[in-house]
Amino acid sequence: MHAPKIFAILLMLAFGMGAALAQEQYPSRTVKIVVPTSPGAVTDVIARAIGQIMSQVWRQTVIIENRAGGNETIGVEFVVKSPADGYTLLVTSNAAITAAPYLFSQLRYDPQRDLVPISMLGWVTPVMVVPSASPVRSVQELIALAKSKPGALNYGSFGTGTYSHVAMEEFKRRTGTQMTHLPYKGAGPAYTALLRNEFAVMLGNLGSAAVHADAGKARIIAAAGAQRSKARPDLPTIAESGLPGFSTGAWWGLFAPANLPRPVLDKIRGDADRMLDTPEMKKVYQTSTMELVTMTPEQLAQFIRNDTQNWAQQIKAAGIKPN
């Protein structure tokens, strides 16, 4: 046998053994999960719950590192620049993946080129919520109030470009109403402002909204997804309330830097699937009113491509310019 052929065979064997070894040994040291939000946010809660289970399953230290700022883009950029070895992972929402490319003209990463999706962590159906002192009890009543006072009502959001902003701009456009946008730095400050009656309405996470509604400090008037929330099947959707086809939502995923070796990707993916099916994680989903959506990495990649196109269309229709 010729030397070149022998070398090629040895190279293939070495690559196969190396890949198998990488999968078998991973993780052999501390794993870092970067969270591009502040502690206490939904993304942070999900990451810490997963990290705790990972550390038990892998018998390795799993640390959570919060790198907030830039609508989640600062933390994502850090991960993009990290080694693609599986020891730096990312838990983030769709804001930094599918919306950011159309909100930031100087974005220093390409989500689809620089990251590899590992697992879909969950989906949440937002709801339309108003302060408890508001006379509004339905979507049609909100529309009527807004039309009776053109430009007088404000609506709050988690920040420019978030679903709570973009979807409300679509709501205004489709209903012919005029409301002023008041962006806040995250869900926590936005809900605090809602309870202070700083604005008339907001789209937000059902889990957070329900806490305030149960305390008598807010009122949920509709679900904002394409279908009714499984956690609140009695709640009509905005689409059912006179705006056919209206829907928005938020999702979270587990990512790694691009070029992650496939054996390591498969190892993390397989373990993540089992972790998400544990009683501990099911409790997190129940508390956060999130729904678990199972997808392969390839299905998640296609989902991200479709969602990116959807955000591009919505942001353009809303007239939001990149900054």
C-alpha atoms as a PDB file:
ATOM      1  CA  MET A   1       0.000   0.000   0.000  1.00  0.00           C
ATOM      2  CA  HIS A   2       1.280   3.437  -0.947  1.00  0.00           C
ATOM      3  CA  ALA A   3       2.402   5.767   1.813  1.00  0.00           C
ATOM      4  CA  PRO A   4      -0.171   8.495   0.973  1.00  0.00           C
ATOM      5  CA  LYS A   5      -3.020   5.995   1.305  1.00  0.00           C
ATOM      6  CA  ILE A   6      -1.669   4.705   4.615  1.00  0.00           C
ATOM      7  CA  PHE A   7      -1.388   8.278   5.867  1.00  0.00           C
ATOM      8  CA  ALA A   8      -4.981   9.039   4.792  1.00  0.00           C
ATOM      9  CA  ILE A   9      -6.302   5.958   6.588  1.00  0.00           C
ATOM     10  CA  LEU A  10      -4.370   6.781   9.739  1.00  0.00           C
ATOM     11  CA  LEU A  11      -5.675  10.338   9.593  1.00  0.00           C
ATOM     12  CA  MET A  12      -9.273   9.129   9.322  1.00  0.00           C
ATOM     13  CA  LEU A  13      -8.795   6.715  12.207  1.00  0.00           C
ATOM     14  CA  ALA A  14      -7.208   9.423  14.321  1.00  0.00           C
ATOM     15  CA  PHE A  15     -10.045  11.824  13.567  1.00  0.00           C
ATOM     16  CA  GLY A  16     -12.653   9.204  14.440  1.00  0.00           C
ATOM     17  CA  MET A  17     -10.914   8.258  17.667  1.00  0.00           C
ATOM     18  CA  GLY A  18     -10.453  11.932  18.550  1.00  0.00           C
ATOM     19  CA  ALA A  19     -14.119  12.689  17.978  1.00  0.00           C
ATOM     20  CA  ALA A  20     -15.208   9.707  20.044  1.00  0.00           C
ATOM     21  CA  LEU A  21     -12.783  10.649  22.796  1.00  0.00           C
ATOM     22  CA  ALA A  22     -14.028  14.241  22.793  1.00  0.00           C
ATOM     23  CA  GLN A  23     -17.596  13.036  23.196  1.00  0.00           C
ATOM     24  CA  GLU A  24     -16.700  10.507  25.894  1.00  0.00           C
ATOM     25  CA  GLN A  25     -14.616  12.901  27.982  1.00  0.00           C
ATOM     26  CA  TYR A  26     -16.755  16.027  27.680  1.00  0.00           C
ATOM     27  CA  PRO A  27     -16.997  17.820  30.026  1.00  0.00           C
ATOM     28  CA  SER A  28     -13.707  17.331  31.844  1.00  0.00           C
ATOM     29  CA  ARG A  29     -13.606  20.781  33.464  1.00  0.00           C
ATOM     30  CA  THR A  30     -15.757  23.767  34.430  1.00  0.00           C
ATOM     31  CA  VAL A  31     -18.461  24.801  31.962  1.00  0.00           C
ATOM     32  CA  LYS A  32     -19.565  28.428  31.732  1.00  0.00           C
ATOM     33  CA  ILE A  33     -23.079  29.465  30.696  1.00  0.00           C
ATOM     34  CA  VAL A  34     -23.263  33.095  29.648  1.00  0.00           C
ATOM     35  CA  VAL A  35     -26.549  34.901  30.292  1.00  0.00           C
ATOM     36  CA  PRO A  36     -26.896  38.212  28.408  1.00  0.00           C
ATOM     37  CA  THR A  37     -29.379  39.630  30.946  1.00  0.00           C
ATOM     38  CA  SER A  38     -29.299  40.747  34.554  1.00  0.00           C
ATOM     39  CA  PRO A  39     -29.793  38.243  37.406  1.00  0.00           C
ATOM     40  CA  GLY A  40     -33.436  37.464  38.083  1.00  0.00           C
ATOM     41  CA  ALA A  41     -34.677  37.845  34.515  1.00  0.00           C
ATOM     42  CA  VAL A  42     -36.439  34.908  32.847  1.00  0.00           C
ATOM     43  CA  THR A  43     -33.316  34.049  30.836  1.00  0.00           C
ATOM     44  CA  ASP A  44     -31.259  33.998  34.024  1.00  0.00           C
ATOM     45  CA  VAL A  45     -33.788  31.791  35.841  1.00  0.00           C
ATOM     46  CA  ILE A  46     -33.772  29.256  32.995  1.00  0.00           C
ATOM     47  CA  ALA A  47     -29.973  29.215  32.771  1.00  0.00           C
ATOM     48  CA  ARG A  48     -29.475  28.748  36.508  1.00  0.00           C
ATOM     49  CA  ALA A  49     -31.975  25.907  36.658  1.00  0.00           C
ATOM     50  CA  ILE A  50     -30.288  24.125  33.752  1.00  0.00           C
ATOM     51  CA  GLY A  51     -26.832  24.853  35.135  1.00  0.00           C
ATOM     52  CA  GLN A  52     -27.689  23.279  38.467  1.00  0.00           C
ATOM     53  CA  ILE A  53     -28.904  20.088  36.816  1.00  0.00           C
ATOM     54  CA  MET A  54     -25.924  20.050  34.428  1.00  0.00           C
ATOM     55  CA  SER A  55     -23.472  20.198  37.318  1.00  0.00           C
ATOM     56  CA  GLN A  56     -25.167  17.197  38.922  1.00  0.00           C
ATOM     57  CA  VAL A  57     -25.349  15.156  35.716  1.00  0.00           C
ATOM     58  CA  TRP A  58     -21.859  16.035  34.478  1.00  0.00           C
ATOM     59  CA  ARG A  59     -20.249  16.094  37.939  1.00  0.00           C
ATOM     60  CA  GLN A  60     -18.489  19.259  36.911  1.00  0.00           C
ATOM     61  CA  THR A  61     -18.810  22.844  38.061  1.00  0.00           C
ATOM     62  CA  VAL A  62     -21.203  24.855  35.893  1.00  0.00           C
ATOM     63  CA  ILE A  63     -21.040  28.590  36.476  1.00  0.00           C
ATOM     64  CA  ILE A  64     -23.524  31.225  35.309  1.00  0.00           C
ATOM     65  CA  GLU A  65     -21.984  34.472  34.109  1.00  0.00           C
ATOM     66  CA  ASN A  66     -24.270  37.459  33.566  1.00  0.00           C
ATOM     67  CA  ARG A  67     -23.144  39.843  30.822  1.00  0.00           C
ATOM     68  CA  ALA A  68     -26.083  42.183  30.401  1.00  0.00           C
ATOM     69  CA  GLY A  69     -26.429  45.129  28.055  1.00  0.00           C
ATOM     70  CA  GLY A  70     -27.096  46.052  24.462  1.00  0.00           C
ATOM     71  CA  ASN A  71     -30.451  44.244  24.299  1.00  0.00           C
ATOM     72  CA  GLU A  72     -28.604  41.000  25.105  1.00  0.00           C
ATOM     73  CA  THR A  73     -26.029  41.508  22.334  1.00  0.00           C
ATOM     74  CA  ILE A  74     -23.029  42.126  24.624  1.00  0.00           C
ATOM     75  CA  GLY A  75     -23.241  38.667  26.176  1.00  0.00           C
ATOM     76  CA  VAL A  76     -23.800  37.021  22.811  1.00  0.00           C
ATOM     77  CA  GLU A  77     -20.767  38.749  21.333  1.00  0.00           C
ATOM     78  CA  PHE A  78     -18.637  37.430  24.193  1.00  0.00           C
ATOM     79  CA  VAL A  79     -19.731  33.859  23.444  1.00  0.00           C
ATOM     80  CA  VAL A  80     -19.161  34.287  19.706  1.00  0.00           C
ATOM     81  CA  LYS A  81     -15.533  35.206  20.422  1.00  0.00           C
ATOM     82  CA  SER A  82     -15.010  32.266  22.810  1.00  0.00           C
ATOM     83  CA  PRO A  83     -13.370  28.948  21.848  1.00  0.00           C
ATOM     84  CA  ALA A  84     -15.735  26.497  20.158  1.00  0.00           C
ATOM     85  CA  ASP A  85     -14.992  23.676  22.593  1.00  0.00           C
ATOM     86  CA  GLY A  86     -18.260  23.377  24.515  1.00  0.00           C
ATOM     87  CA  TYR A  87     -16.957  25.027  27.670  1.00  0.00           C
ATOM     88  CA  THR A  88     -18.624  28.364  26.962  1.00  0.00           C
ATOM     89  CA  LEU A  89     -22.347  28.102  26.254  1.00  0.00           C
ATOM     90  CA  LEU A  90     -25.087  30.670  25.818  1.00  0.00           C
ATOM     91  CA  VAL A  91     -28.667  30.810  27.028  1.00  0.00           C
ATOM     92  CA  THR A  92     -30.541  33.650  25.381  1.00  0.00           C
ATOM     93  CA  SER A  93     -33.914  34.716  24.057  1.00  0.00           C
ATOM     94  CA  ASN A  94     -34.860  35.362  20.466  1.00  0.00           C
ATOM     95  CA  ALA A  95     -34.192  39.102  20.979  1.00  0.00           C
ATOM     96  CA  ALA A  96     -30.453  38.719  20.391  1.00  0.00           C
ATOM     97  CA  ILE A  97     -30.814  36.045  17.706  1.00  0.00           C
ATOM     98  CA  THR A  98     -33.622  36.905  15.305  1.00  0.00           C
ATOM     99  CA  ALA A  99     -34.439  40.560  16.071  1.00  0.00           C
ATOM    100  CA  ALA A 100     -30.999  42.079  16.727  1.00  0.00           C
ATOM    101  CA  PRO A 101     -29.775  41.921  13.088  1.00  0.00           C
ATOM    102  CA  TYR A 102     -32.526  44.390  12.140  1.00  0.00           C
ATOM    103  CA  LEU A 103     -32.186  46.645  15.174  1.00  0.00           C
ATOM    104  CA  PHE A 104     -28.449  47.293  15.312  1.00  0.00           C
ATOM    105  CA  SER A 105     -26.626  48.578  12.247  1.00  0.00           C
ATOM    106  CA  GLN A 106     -23.240  47.926  13.877  1.00  0.00           C
ATOM    107  CA  LEU A 107     -23.969  44.425  15.211  1.00  0.00           C
ATOM    108  CA  ARG A 108     -20.617  42.687  15.533  1.00  0.00           C
ATOM    109  CA  TYR A 109     -21.830  39.143  15.030  1.00  0.00           C
ATOM    110  CA  ASP A 110     -24.053  37.171  12.686  1.00  0.00           C
ATOM    111  CA  PRO A 111     -26.296  34.861  14.757  1.00  0.00           C
ATOM    112  CA  GLN A 112     -26.693  32.300  12.003  1.00  0.00           C
ATOM    113  CA  ARG A 113     -23.014  32.296  11.047  1.00  0.00           C
ATOM    114  CA  ASP A 114     -21.290  32.693  14.415  1.00  0.00           C
ATOM    115  CA  LEU A 115     -23.464  30.521  16.658  1.00  0.00           C
ATOM    116  CA  VAL A 116     -24.629  26.916  16.535  1.00  0.00           C
ATOM    117  CA  PRO A 117     -28.066  26.157  17.999  1.00  0.00           C
ATOM    118  CA  ILE A 118     -28.074  23.219  20.394  1.00  0.00           C
ATOM    119  CA  SER A 119     -31.523  23.083  21.929  1.00  0.00           C
ATOM    120  CA  MET A 120     -34.794  25.001  22.068  1.00  0.00           C
ATOM    121  CA  LEU A 121     -35.405  25.634  25.765  1.00  0.00           C
ATOM    122  CA  GLY A 122     -38.953  26.899  25.701  1.00  0.00           C
ATOM    123  CA  TRP A 123     -41.632  29.174  24.311  1.00  0.00           C
ATOM    124  CA  VAL A 124     -43.808  31.674  26.126  1.00  0.00           C
ATOM    125  CA  THR A 125     -47.107  33.221  25.063  1.00  0.00           C
ATOM    126  CA  PRO A 126     -47.211  36.906  26.014  1.00  0.00           C
ATOM    127  CA  VAL A 127     -50.345  38.554  27.352  1.00  0.00           C
ATOM    128  CA  MET A 128     -51.830  42.026  27.191  1.00  0.00           C
ATOM    129  CA  VAL A 129     -51.933  43.523  30.673  1.00  0.00           C
ATOM    130  CA  VAL A 130     -53.273  46.804  32.090  1.00  0.00           C
ATOM    131  CA  PRO A 131     -53.074  48.398  35.559  1.00  0.00           C
ATOM    132  CA  SER A 132     -55.799  47.330  37.985  1.00  0.00           C
ATOM    133  CA  ALA A 133     -57.107  50.917  38.090  1.00  0.00           C
ATOM    134  CA  SER A 134     -57.745  50.885  34.341  1.00  0.00           C
ATOM    135  CA  PRO A 135     -61.362  50.733  33.155  1.00  0.00           C
ATOM    136  CA  VAL A 136     -60.236  48.493  30.268  1.00  0.00           C
ATOM    137  CA  ARG A 137     -61.338  44.859  30.492  1.00  0.00           C
ATOM    138  CA  SER A 138     -61.039  43.710  26.875  1.00  0.00           C
ATOM    139  CA  VAL A 139     -59.113  44.382  23.683  1.00  0.00           C
ATOM    140  CA  GLN A 140     -62.079  46.140  22.121  1.00  0.00           C
ATOM    141  CA  GLU A 141     -62.409  48.411  25.155  1.00  0.00           C
ATOM    142  CA  LEU A 142     -58.707  49.307  24.836  1.00  0.00           C
ATOM    143  CA  ILE A 143     -59.153  50.140  21.163  1.00  0.00           C
ATOM    144  CA  ALA A 144     -62.205  52.274  21.932  1.00  0.00           C
ATOM    145  CA  LEU A 145     -60.376  54.138  24.706  1.00  0.00           C
ATOM    146  CA  ALA A 146     -57.319  54.772  22.527  1.00  0.00           C
ATOM    147  CA  LYS A 147     -59.472  56.068  19.666  1.00  0.00           C
ATOM    148  CA  SER A 148     -61.367  58.380  22.015  1.00  0.00           C
ATOM    149  CA  LYS A 149     -58.056  59.932  23.126  1.00  0.00           C
ATOM    150  CA  PRO A 150     -55.728  59.940  20.100  1.00  0.00           C
ATOM    151  CA  GLY A 151     -52.105  60.112  21.237  1.00  0.00           C
ATOM    152  CA  ALA A 152     -53.025  60.475  24.918  1.00  0.00           C
ATOM    153  CA  LEU A 153     -52.325  56.872  25.958  1.00  0.00           C
ATOM    154  CA  ASN A 154     -48.860  55.424  26.514  1.00  0.00           C
ATOM    155  CA  TYR A 155     -47.788  51.809  26.260  1.00  0.00           C
ATOM    156  CA  GLY A 156     -44.748  50.296  27.947  1.00  0.00           C
ATOM    157  CA  SER A 157     -42.188  47.784  26.709  1.00  0.00           C
ATOM    158  CA  PHE A 158     -39.106  45.881  27.863  1.00  0.00           C
ATOM    159  CA  GLY A 159     -37.019  47.978  25.451  1.00  0.00           C
ATOM    160  CA  THR A 160     -36.805  49.052  21.835  1.00  0.00           C
ATOM    161  CA  GLY A 161     -37.045  46.097  19.485  1.00  0.00           C
ATOM    162  CA  THR A 162     -38.405  43.611  22.016  1.00  0.00           C
ATOM    163  CA  TYR A 163     -41.622  41.766  21.220  1.00  0.00           C
ATOM    164  CA  SER A 164     -43.420  44.035  23.703  1.00  0.00           C
ATOM    165  CA  HIS A 165     -42.456  46.966  21.461  1.00  0.00           C
ATOM    166  CA  VAL A 166     -42.677  45.556  17.939  1.00  0.00           C
ATOM    167  CA  ALA A 167     -45.982  43.737  18.512  1.00  0.00           C
ATOM    168  CA  MET A 168     -47.611  46.812  20.048  1.00  0.00           C
ATOM    169  CA  GLU A 169     -46.596  48.846  17.018  1.00  0.00           C
ATOM    170  CA  GLU A 170     -48.318  46.225  14.873  1.00  0.00           C
ATOM    171  CA  PHE A 171     -51.340  46.462  17.180  1.00  0.00           C
ATOM    172  CA  LYS A 172     -51.465  50.240  16.661  1.00  0.00           C
ATOM    173  CA  ARG A 173     -51.104  49.885  12.912  1.00  0.00           C
ATOM    174  CA  ARG A 174     -53.832  47.276  12.605  1.00  0.00           C
ATOM    175  CA  THR A 175     -56.295  49.086  14.885  1.00  0.00           C
ATOM    176  CA  GLY A 176     -55.614  52.605  13.647  1.00  0.00           C
ATOM    177  CA  THR A 177     -54.844  53.824  17.163  1.00  0.00           C
ATOM    178  CA  GLN A 178     -52.217  56.278  18.371  1.00  0.00           C
ATOM    179  CA  MET A 179     -50.240  55.485  21.525  1.00  0.00           C
ATOM    180  CA  THR A 180     -46.810  56.654  22.665  1.00  0.00           C
ATOM    181  CA  HIS A 181     -44.073  54.092  23.302  1.00  0.00           C
ATOM    182  CA  LEU A 182     -42.298  54.184  26.691  1.00  0.00           C
ATOM    183  CA  PRO A 183     -39.316  51.777  26.608  1.00  0.00           C
ATOM    184  CA  TYR A 184     -37.826  50.467  29.853  1.00  0.00           C
ATOM    185  CA  LYS A 185     -34.611  48.588  30.563  1.00  0.00           C
ATOM    186  CA  GLY A 186     -36.057  45.128  30.930  1.00  0.00           C
ATOM    187  CA  ALA A 187     -39.206  43.409  32.145  1.00  0.00           C
ATOM    188  CA  GLY A 188     -38.691  44.218  35.837  1.00  0.00           C
ATOM    189  CA  PRO A 189     -38.604  48.018  35.416  1.00  0.00           C
ATOM    190  CA  ALA A 190     -41.489  47.837  32.925  1.00  0.00           C
ATOM    191  CA  TYR A 191     -43.734  45.972  35.363  1.00  0.00           C
ATOM    192  CA  THR A 192     -42.786  48.385  38.146  1.00  0.00           C
ATOM    193  CA  ALA A 193     -43.862  51.247  35.881  1.00  0.00           C
ATOM    194  CA  LEU A 194     -47.112  49.446  35.052  1.00  0.00           C
ATOM    195  CA  LEU A 195     -47.979  49.171  38.747  1.00  0.00           C
ATOM    196  CA  ARG A 196     -47.297  52.902  39.084  1.00  0.00           C
ATOM    197  CA  ASN A 197     -49.788  53.606  36.281  1.00  0.00           C
ATOM    198  CA  GLU A 198     -47.103  55.192  34.114  1.00  0.00           C
ATOM    199  CA  PHE A 199     -48.753  53.770  31.009  1.00  0.00           C
ATOM    200  CA  ALA A 200     -52.038  52.226  29.914  1.00  0.00           C
ATOM    201  CA  VAL A 201     -51.062  48.821  28.538  1.00  0.00           C
ATOM    202  CA  MET A 202     -48.179  46.427  27.942  1.00  0.00           C
ATOM    203  CA  LEU A 203     -47.449  43.063  26.370  1.00  0.00           C
ATOM    204  CA  GLY A 204     -45.554  40.852  28.813  1.00  0.00           C
ATOM    205  CA  ASN A 205     -44.815  37.369  30.062  1.00  0.00           C
ATOM    206  CA  LEU A 206     -47.849  35.566  31.502  1.00  0.00           C
ATOM    207  CA  GLY A 207     -45.897  34.319  34.506  1.00  0.00           C
ATOM    208  CA  SER A 208     -44.917  37.815  35.638  1.00  0.00           C
ATOM    209  CA  ALA A 209     -48.281  39.325  34.722  1.00  0.00           C
ATOM    210  CA  ALA A 210     -50.140  36.633  36.664  1.00  0.00           C
ATOM    211  CA  VAL A 211     -48.193  37.418  39.854  1.00  0.00           C
ATOM    212  CA  HIS A 212     -49.365  41.032  39.742  1.00  0.00           C
ATOM    213  CA  ALA A 213     -52.870  40.109  38.585  1.00  0.00           C
ATOM    214  CA  ASP A 214     -53.281  37.625  41.441  1.00  0.00           C
ATOM    215  CA  ALA A 215     -52.213  40.379  43.845  1.00  0.00           C
ATOM    216  CA  GLY A 216     -54.903  42.639  42.443  1.00  0.00           C
ATOM    217  CA  LYS A 217     -52.384  45.110  41.011  1.00  0.00           C
ATOM    218  CA  ALA A 218     -52.895  44.384  37.303  1.00  0.00           C
ATOM    219  CA  ARG A 219     -55.449  42.899  34.926  1.00  0.00           C
ATOM    220  CA  ILE A 220     -54.762  40.490  32.058  1.00  0.00           C
ATOM    221  CA  ILE A 221     -57.157  41.080  29.175  1.00  0.00           C
ATOM    222  CA  ALA A 222     -55.885  38.846  26.351  1.00  0.00           C
ATOM    223  CA  ALA A 223     -53.254  36.380  25.185  1.00  0.00           C
ATOM    224  CA  ALA A 224     -50.989  37.589  22.376  1.00  0.00           C
ATOM    225  CA  GLY A 225     -50.060  34.262  20.795  1.00  0.00           C
ATOM    226  CA  ALA A 226     -51.567  32.561  17.780  1.00  0.00           C
ATOM    227  CA  GLN A 227     -53.412  30.191  20.107  1.00  0.00           C
ATOM    228  CA  ARG A 228     -54.682  30.385  23.658  1.00  0.00           C
ATOM    229  CA  SER A 229     -52.168  29.767  26.403  1.00  0.00           C
ATOM    230  CA  LYS A 230     -52.240  26.262  27.842  1.00  0.00           C
ATOM    231  CA  ALA A 231     -51.777  27.843  31.273  1.00  0.00           C
ATOM    232  CA  ARG A 232     -54.815  30.126  30.773  1.00  0.00           C
ATOM    233  CA  PRO A 233     -57.138  28.480  28.235  1.00  0.00           C
ATOM    234  CA  ASP A 234     -59.981  30.737  29.408  1.00  0.00           C
ATOM    235  CA  LEU A 235     -58.131  33.830  28.187  1.00  0.00           C
ATOM    236  CA  PRO A 236     -59.130  34.949  24.656  1.00  0.00           C
ATOM    237  CA  THR A 237     -56.396  35.825  22.192  1.00  0.00           C
ATOM    238  CA  ILE A 238     -55.994  39.238  20.594  1.00  0.00           C
ATOM    239  CA  ALA A 239     -56.697  37.507  17.270  1.00  0.00           C
ATOM    240  CA  GLU A 240     -60.017  36.237  18.632  1.00  0.00           C
ATOM    241  CA  SER A 241     -60.797  39.724  19.904  1.00  0.00           C
ATOM    242  CA  GLY A 242     -61.063  41.303  16.484  1.00  0.00           C
ATOM    243  CA  LEU A 243     -57.542  41.158  15.002  1.00  0.00           C
ATOM    244  CA  PRO A 244     -57.356  37.903  13.003  1.00  0.00           C
ATOM    245  CA  GLY A 245     -53.791  36.698  12.467  1.00  0.00           C
ATOM    246  CA  PHE A 246     -52.240  38.838  15.196  1.00  0.00           C
ATOM    247  CA  SER A 247     -49.646  36.945  17.244  1.00  0.00           C
ATOM    248  CA  THR A 248     -46.289  37.337  18.900  1.00  0.00           C
ATOM    249  CA  GLY A 249     -44.142  35.293  21.251  1.00  0.00           C
ATOM    250  CA  ALA A 250     -40.756  34.786  22.819  1.00  0.00           C
ATOM    251  CA  TRP A 251     -38.492  31.762  22.955  1.00  0.00           C
ATOM    252  CA  TRP A 252     -35.209  30.755  24.547  1.00  0.00           C
ATOM    253  CA  GLY A 253     -32.415  28.555  23.260  1.00  0.00           C
ATOM    254  CA  LEU A 254     -29.087  26.987  24.181  1.00  0.00           C
ATOM    255  CA  PHE A 255     -26.220  27.951  21.856  1.00  0.00           C
ATOM    256  CA  ALA A 256     -22.469  27.566  21.454  1.00  0.00           C
ATOM    257  CA  PRO A 257     -19.846  29.244  19.256  1.00  0.00           C
ATOM    258  CA  ALA A 258     -19.874  28.099  15.645  1.00  0.00           C
ATOM    259  CA  ASN A 259     -17.728  25.129  14.624  1.00  0.00           C
ATOM    260  CA  LEU A 260     -18.461  23.234  17.824  1.00  0.00           C
ATOM    261  CA  PRO A 261     -17.318  19.626  17.181  1.00  0.00           C
ATOM    262  CA  ARG A 262     -20.330  17.496  16.294  1.00  0.00           C
ATOM    263  CA  PRO A 263     -19.622  14.853  18.968  1.00  0.00           C
ATOM    264  CA  VAL A 264     -19.622  17.551  21.652  1.00  0.00           C
ATOM    265  CA  LEU A 265     -22.776  19.101  20.178  1.00  0.00           C
ATOM    266  CA  ASP A 266     -24.515  15.725  20.238  1.00  0.00           C
ATOM    267  CA  LYS A 267     -23.355  15.100  23.811  1.00  0.00           C
ATOM    268  CA  ILE A 268     -24.699  18.444  25.067  1.00  0.00           C
ATOM    269  CA  ARG A 269     -27.879  18.081  23.043  1.00  0.00           C
ATOM    270  CA  GLY A 270     -28.632  14.585  24.347  1.00  0.00           C
ATOM    271  CA  ASP A 271     -27.951  15.571  27.946  1.00  0.00           C
ATOM    272  CA  ALA A 272     -29.985  18.770  27.589  1.00  0.00           C
ATOM    273  CA  ASP A 273     -33.006  16.797  26.375  1.00  0.00           C
ATOM    274  CA  ARG A 274     -32.860  14.623  29.476  1.00  0.00           C
ATOM    275  CA  MET A 275     -32.324  17.635  31.749  1.00  0.00           C
ATOM    276  CA  LEU A 276     -35.340  19.466  30.357  1.00  0.00           C
ATOM    277  CA  ASP A 277     -37.498  16.446  31.155  1.00  0.00           C
ATOM    278  CA  THR A 278     -36.651  16.443  34.873  1.00  0.00           C
ATOM    279  CA  PRO A 279     -39.156  17.387  37.603  1.00  0.00           C
ATOM    280  CA  GLU A 280     -36.963  20.368  38.522  1.00  0.00           C
ATOM    281  CA  MET A 281     -37.187  21.858  35.038  1.00  0.00           C
ATOM    282  CA  LYS A 282     -40.879  21.075  34.692  1.00  0.00           C
ATOM    283  CA  LYS A 283     -41.444  23.119  37.838  1.00  0.00           C
ATOM    284  CA  VAL A 284     -39.516  26.032  36.300  1.00  0.00           C
ATOM    285  CA  TYR A 285     -41.671  25.822  33.177  1.00  0.00           C
ATOM    286  CA  GLN A 286     -44.844  25.735  35.209  1.00  0.00           C
ATOM    287  CA  THR A 287     -43.812  28.741  37.293  1.00  0.00           C
ATOM    288  CA  SER A 288     -42.712  30.707  34.239  1.00  0.00           C
ATOM    289  CA  THR A 289     -45.741  29.553  32.178  1.00  0.00           C
ATOM    290  CA  MET A 290     -43.340  28.374  29.501  1.00  0.00           C
ATOM    291  CA  GLU A 291     -43.966  25.534  27.079  1.00  0.00           C
ATOM    292  CA  LEU A 292     -41.263  23.017  26.231  1.00  0.00           C
ATOM    293  CA  VAL A 293     -40.740  22.711  22.471  1.00  0.00           C
ATOM    294  CA  THR A 294     -38.567  19.822  21.303  1.00  0.00           C
ATOM    295  CA  MET A 295     -36.521  20.340  18.141  1.00  0.00           C
ATOM    296  CA  THR A 296     -33.383  18.835  16.652  1.00  0.00           C
ATOM    297  CA  PRO A 297     -30.477  21.259  16.073  1.00  0.00           C
ATOM    298  CA  GLU A 298     -31.341  21.243  12.375  1.00  0.00           C
ATOM    299  CA  GLN A 299     -35.022  21.968  13.041  1.00  0.00           C
ATOM    300  CA  LEU A 300     -34.047  24.752  15.436  1.00  0.00           C
ATOM    301  CA  ALA A 301     -31.735  26.240  12.812  1.00  0.00           C
ATOM    302  CA  GLN A 302     -34.603  26.292  10.292  1.00  0.00           C
ATOM    303  CA  PHE A 303     -36.953  27.719  12.906  1.00  0.00           C
ATOM    304  CA  ILE A 304     -34.437  30.520  13.531  1.00  0.00           C
ATOM    305  CA  ARG A 305     -34.236  31.290   9.820  1.00  0.00           C
ATOM    306  CA  ASN A 306     -38.019  31.537   9.597  1.00  0.00           C
ATOM    307  CA  ASP A 307     -38.284  33.612  12.769  1.00  0.00           C
ATOM    308  CA  THR A 308     -35.577  35.963  11.513  1.00  0.00           C
ATOM    309  CA  GLN A 309     -37.612  36.650   8.374  1.00  0.00           C
ATOM    310  CA  ASN A 310     -40.712  37.203  10.492  1.00  0.00           C
ATOM    311  CA  TRP A 311     -38.935  39.777  12.672  1.00  0.00           C
ATOM    312  CA  ALA A 312     -37.493  41.521   9.635  1.00  0.00           C
ATOM    313  CA  GLN A 313     -40.991  41.986   8.226  1.00  0.00           C
ATOM    314  CA  GLN A 314     -42.497  43.150  11.529  1.00  0.00           C
ATOM    315  CA  ILE A 315     -39.685  45.599  12.299  1.00  0.00           C
ATOM    316  CA  LYS A 316     -39.894  47.080   8.795  1.00  0.00           C
ATOM    317  CA  ALA A 317     -43.691  47.381   9.008  1.00  0.00           C
ATOM    318  CA  ALA A 318     -43.385  49.090  12.396  1.00  0.00           C
ATOM    319  CA  GLY A 319     -40.992  51.633  10.919  1.00  0.00           C
ATOM    320  CA  ILE A 320     -38.274  50.867  13.483  1.00  0.00           C
ATOM    321  CA  LYS A 321     -34.878  51.997  12.202  1.00  0.00           C
ATOM    322  CA  PRO A 322     -31.598  50.285  13.192  1.00  0.00           C
ATOM    323  CA  ASN A 323     -29.397  52.306  15.532  1.00  0.00           C
END
